């Protein structure tokens, strides 16, 4: 079965950086489009970034220029490098495959 495991979330000060990781199993990762979503308390889950199997990235307007999505097919891992973090980036971050399979999430808190 497909399993996605996120890690890397933490408490960070505004302007700081974090790198999230999502390790996938149970799928042919090199052919999988992957995405990162986030959900803040009281808000709907929203897409943050997407990367195709062909390594083409797409970003939400709110993170473009600050976040970078990447993948390492040899490690079946997707990454989300988050720079210039803002308090409004505070949320639970989820990795997903096909929007059908989701990880358990990793918490990112941006606060001074």
C-alpha atoms as a PDB file:
ATOM      1  CA  UNK A   1       0.000   0.000   0.000  1.00  0.00           C
ATOM      2  CA  UNK A   2       1.038   3.588  -0.542  1.00  0.00           C
ATOM      3  CA  UNK A   3       2.626   5.264   2.456  1.00  0.00           C
ATOM      4  CA  UNK A   4       3.867   8.824   2.756  1.00  0.00           C
ATOM      5  CA  UNK A   5       5.884  10.003   5.742  1.00  0.00           C
ATOM      6  CA  UNK A   6       6.665  13.674   6.246  1.00  0.00           C
ATOM      7  CA  UNK A   7       9.326  15.135   8.495  1.00  0.00           C
ATOM      8  CA  UNK A   8      11.214  18.353   9.082  1.00  0.00           C
ATOM      9  CA  UNK A   9       8.607  20.571  10.653  1.00  0.00           C
ATOM     10  CA  UNK A  10       9.661  22.785  13.540  1.00  0.00           C
ATOM     11  CA  UNK A  11       9.290  26.111  15.310  1.00  0.00           C
ATOM     12  CA  UNK A  12      11.237  28.767  13.408  1.00  0.00           C
ATOM     13  CA  UNK A  13      11.544  32.533  13.610  1.00  0.00           C
ATOM     14  CA  UNK A  14      10.200  34.796  10.860  1.00  0.00           C
ATOM     15  CA  UNK A  15      12.706  35.007   8.025  1.00  0.00           C
ATOM     16  CA  UNK A  16      14.052  31.565   8.777  1.00  0.00           C
ATOM     17  CA  UNK A  17      14.199  28.437   6.655  1.00  0.00           C
ATOM     18  CA  UNK A  18      13.120  24.828   6.896  1.00  0.00           C
ATOM     19  CA  UNK A  19      13.304  21.811   4.626  1.00  0.00           C
ATOM     20  CA  UNK A  20      10.484  19.314   4.720  1.00  0.00           C
ATOM     21  CA  UNK A  21      10.880  15.758   3.466  1.00  0.00           C
ATOM     22  CA  UNK A  22       8.313  13.229   2.286  1.00  0.00           C
ATOM     23  CA  UNK A  23       9.431   9.625   1.926  1.00  0.00           C
ATOM     24  CA  UNK A  24       7.132   7.528  -0.252  1.00  0.00           C
ATOM     25  CA  UNK A  25       6.701   3.774  -0.459  1.00  0.00           C
ATOM     26  CA  UNK A  26       4.329   1.439  -2.247  1.00  0.00           C
ATOM     27  CA  UNK A  27       4.343   3.371  -5.517  1.00  0.00           C
ATOM     28  CA  UNK A  28       6.542   3.773  -8.542  1.00  0.00           C
ATOM     29  CA  UNK A  29       7.905   7.083  -7.361  1.00  0.00           C
ATOM     30  CA  UNK A  30       9.783   8.049 -10.504  1.00  0.00           C
ATOM     31  CA  UNK A  31       6.461   8.177 -12.393  1.00  0.00           C
ATOM     32  CA  UNK A  32       4.494   9.902  -9.635  1.00  0.00           C
ATOM     33  CA  UNK A  33       3.414  13.531  -9.552  1.00  0.00           C
ATOM     34  CA  UNK A  34       3.775  14.727  -5.967  1.00  0.00           C
ATOM     35  CA  UNK A  35       2.388  17.706  -4.105  1.00  0.00           C
ATOM     36  CA  UNK A  36       2.578  19.539  -0.811  1.00  0.00           C
ATOM     37  CA  UNK A  37      -0.489  21.021   0.866  1.00  0.00           C
ATOM     38  CA  UNK A  38      -0.918  22.872   4.126  1.00  0.00           C
ATOM     39  CA  UNK A  39      -3.745  23.501   6.539  1.00  0.00           C
ATOM     40  CA  UNK A  40      -3.810  26.224   9.148  1.00  0.00           C
ATOM     41  CA  UNK A  41      -6.210  26.085  12.124  1.00  0.00           C
ATOM     42  CA  UNK A  42      -9.704  27.050  11.060  1.00  0.00           C
ATOM     43  CA  UNK A  43      -8.781  27.157   7.384  1.00  0.00           C
ATOM     44  CA  UNK A  44      -9.193  24.817   4.444  1.00  0.00           C
ATOM     45  CA  UNK A  45      -6.348  22.699   3.177  1.00  0.00           C
ATOM     46  CA  UNK A  46      -4.569  24.483   0.315  1.00  0.00           C
ATOM     47  CA  UNK A  47      -2.020  23.439  -2.252  1.00  0.00           C
ATOM     48  CA  UNK A  48       1.473  24.818  -1.734  1.00  0.00           C
ATOM     49  CA  UNK A  49       3.517  23.247  -4.508  1.00  0.00           C
ATOM     50  CA  UNK A  50       3.412  20.441  -7.031  1.00  0.00           C
ATOM     51  CA  UNK A  51       6.147  18.627  -8.911  1.00  0.00           C
ATOM     52  CA  UNK A  52       5.515  16.423 -11.920  1.00  0.00           C
ATOM     53  CA  UNK A  53       7.204  13.139 -12.669  1.00  0.00           C
ATOM     54  CA  UNK A  54       9.100  15.117 -15.285  1.00  0.00           C
ATOM     55  CA  UNK A  55      10.426  17.420 -12.544  1.00  0.00           C
ATOM     56  CA  UNK A  56       8.313  20.447 -13.519  1.00  0.00           C
ATOM     57  CA  UNK A  57       7.378  22.506 -10.446  1.00  0.00           C
ATOM     58  CA  UNK A  58       4.333  24.669  -9.821  1.00  0.00           C
ATOM     59  CA  UNK A  59       3.727  26.956  -6.857  1.00  0.00           C
ATOM     60  CA  UNK A  60       0.893  28.743  -5.135  1.00  0.00           C
ATOM     61  CA  UNK A  61       1.153  32.503  -5.498  1.00  0.00           C
ATOM     62  CA  UNK A  62       1.605  32.846  -1.757  1.00  0.00           C
ATOM     63  CA  UNK A  63       4.878  30.891  -1.755  1.00  0.00           C
ATOM     64  CA  UNK A  64       6.338  31.469  -5.217  1.00  0.00           C
ATOM     65  CA  UNK A  65       9.846  32.846  -4.938  1.00  0.00           C
ATOM     66  CA  UNK A  66      10.250  31.630  -1.355  1.00  0.00           C
ATOM     67  CA  UNK A  67       9.609  27.876  -1.509  1.00  0.00           C
ATOM     68  CA  UNK A  68      11.281  25.289  -3.723  1.00  0.00           C
ATOM     69  CA  UNK A  69       9.882  21.823  -4.364  1.00  0.00           C
ATOM     70  CA  UNK A  70      12.221  19.070  -5.514  1.00  0.00           C
ATOM     71  CA  UNK A  71      12.478  15.311  -5.703  1.00  0.00           C
ATOM     72  CA  UNK A  72      15.057  12.557  -5.441  1.00  0.00           C
ATOM     73  CA  UNK A  73      13.768   9.519  -7.291  1.00  0.00           C
ATOM     74  CA  UNK A  74      16.608   7.336  -5.986  1.00  0.00           C
ATOM     75  CA  UNK A  75      15.379   7.995  -2.450  1.00  0.00           C
ATOM     76  CA  UNK A  76      11.649   8.099  -3.298  1.00  0.00           C
ATOM     77  CA  UNK A  77      11.581  11.441  -1.530  1.00  0.00           C
ATOM     78  CA  UNK A  78      10.015  14.802  -2.226  1.00  0.00           C
ATOM     79  CA  UNK A  79      11.364  17.933  -0.555  1.00  0.00           C
ATOM     80  CA  UNK A  80       9.950  21.351   0.209  1.00  0.00           C
ATOM     81  CA  UNK A  81      12.606  23.971   0.912  1.00  0.00           C
ATOM     82  CA  UNK A  82      10.956  26.904   2.654  1.00  0.00           C
ATOM     83  CA  UNK A  83      12.806  30.210   2.871  1.00  0.00           C
ATOM     84  CA  UNK A  84      11.891  33.661   4.165  1.00  0.00           C
ATOM     85  CA  UNK A  85       9.220  32.109   6.319  1.00  0.00           C
ATOM     86  CA  UNK A  86       6.357  34.276   7.548  1.00  0.00           C
ATOM     87  CA  UNK A  87       3.939  33.807  10.446  1.00  0.00           C
ATOM     88  CA  UNK A  88       1.186  33.155   7.908  1.00  0.00           C
ATOM     89  CA  UNK A  89       3.096  30.068   6.749  1.00  0.00           C
ATOM     90  CA  UNK A  90       2.238  28.447  10.074  1.00  0.00           C
ATOM     91  CA  UNK A  91       0.297  25.274   9.314  1.00  0.00           C
ATOM     92  CA  UNK A  92       0.368  21.502   9.206  1.00  0.00           C
ATOM     93  CA  UNK A  93       2.104  20.507   5.989  1.00  0.00           C
ATOM     94  CA  UNK A  94       1.069  17.373   4.127  1.00  0.00           C
ATOM     95  CA  UNK A  95       2.556  15.406   1.285  1.00  0.00           C
ATOM     96  CA  UNK A  96       0.170  13.787  -1.172  1.00  0.00           C
ATOM     97  CA  UNK A  97       0.100  11.467  -4.144  1.00  0.00           C
ATOM     98  CA  UNK A  98      -2.853  11.916  -6.503  1.00  0.00           C
ATOM     99  CA  UNK A  99      -4.694  13.693  -3.664  1.00  0.00           C
ATOM    100  CA  UNK A 100      -5.775  10.202  -2.653  1.00  0.00           C
ATOM    101  CA  UNK A 101      -2.886   9.238  -0.421  1.00  0.00           C
ATOM    102  CA  UNK A 102      -1.756  11.551   2.343  1.00  0.00           C
ATOM    103  CA  UNK A 103       0.928  11.553   4.952  1.00  0.00           C
ATOM    104  CA  UNK A 104       0.268  12.291   8.616  1.00  0.00           C
ATOM    105  CA  UNK A 105       1.611  15.810   8.286  1.00  0.00           C
ATOM    106  CA  UNK A 106       4.409  17.784   9.886  1.00  0.00           C
ATOM    107  CA  UNK A 107       3.839  20.979  11.878  1.00  0.00           C
ATOM    108  CA  UNK A 108       5.518  24.216  10.862  1.00  0.00           C
ATOM    109  CA  UNK A 109       5.229  27.145  13.252  1.00  0.00           C
ATOM    110  CA  UNK A 110       6.690  30.526  12.366  1.00  0.00           C
ATOM    111  CA  UNK A 111       6.856  32.768  15.401  1.00  0.00           C
ATOM    112  CA  UNK A 112       9.225  35.015  17.280  1.00  0.00           C
END
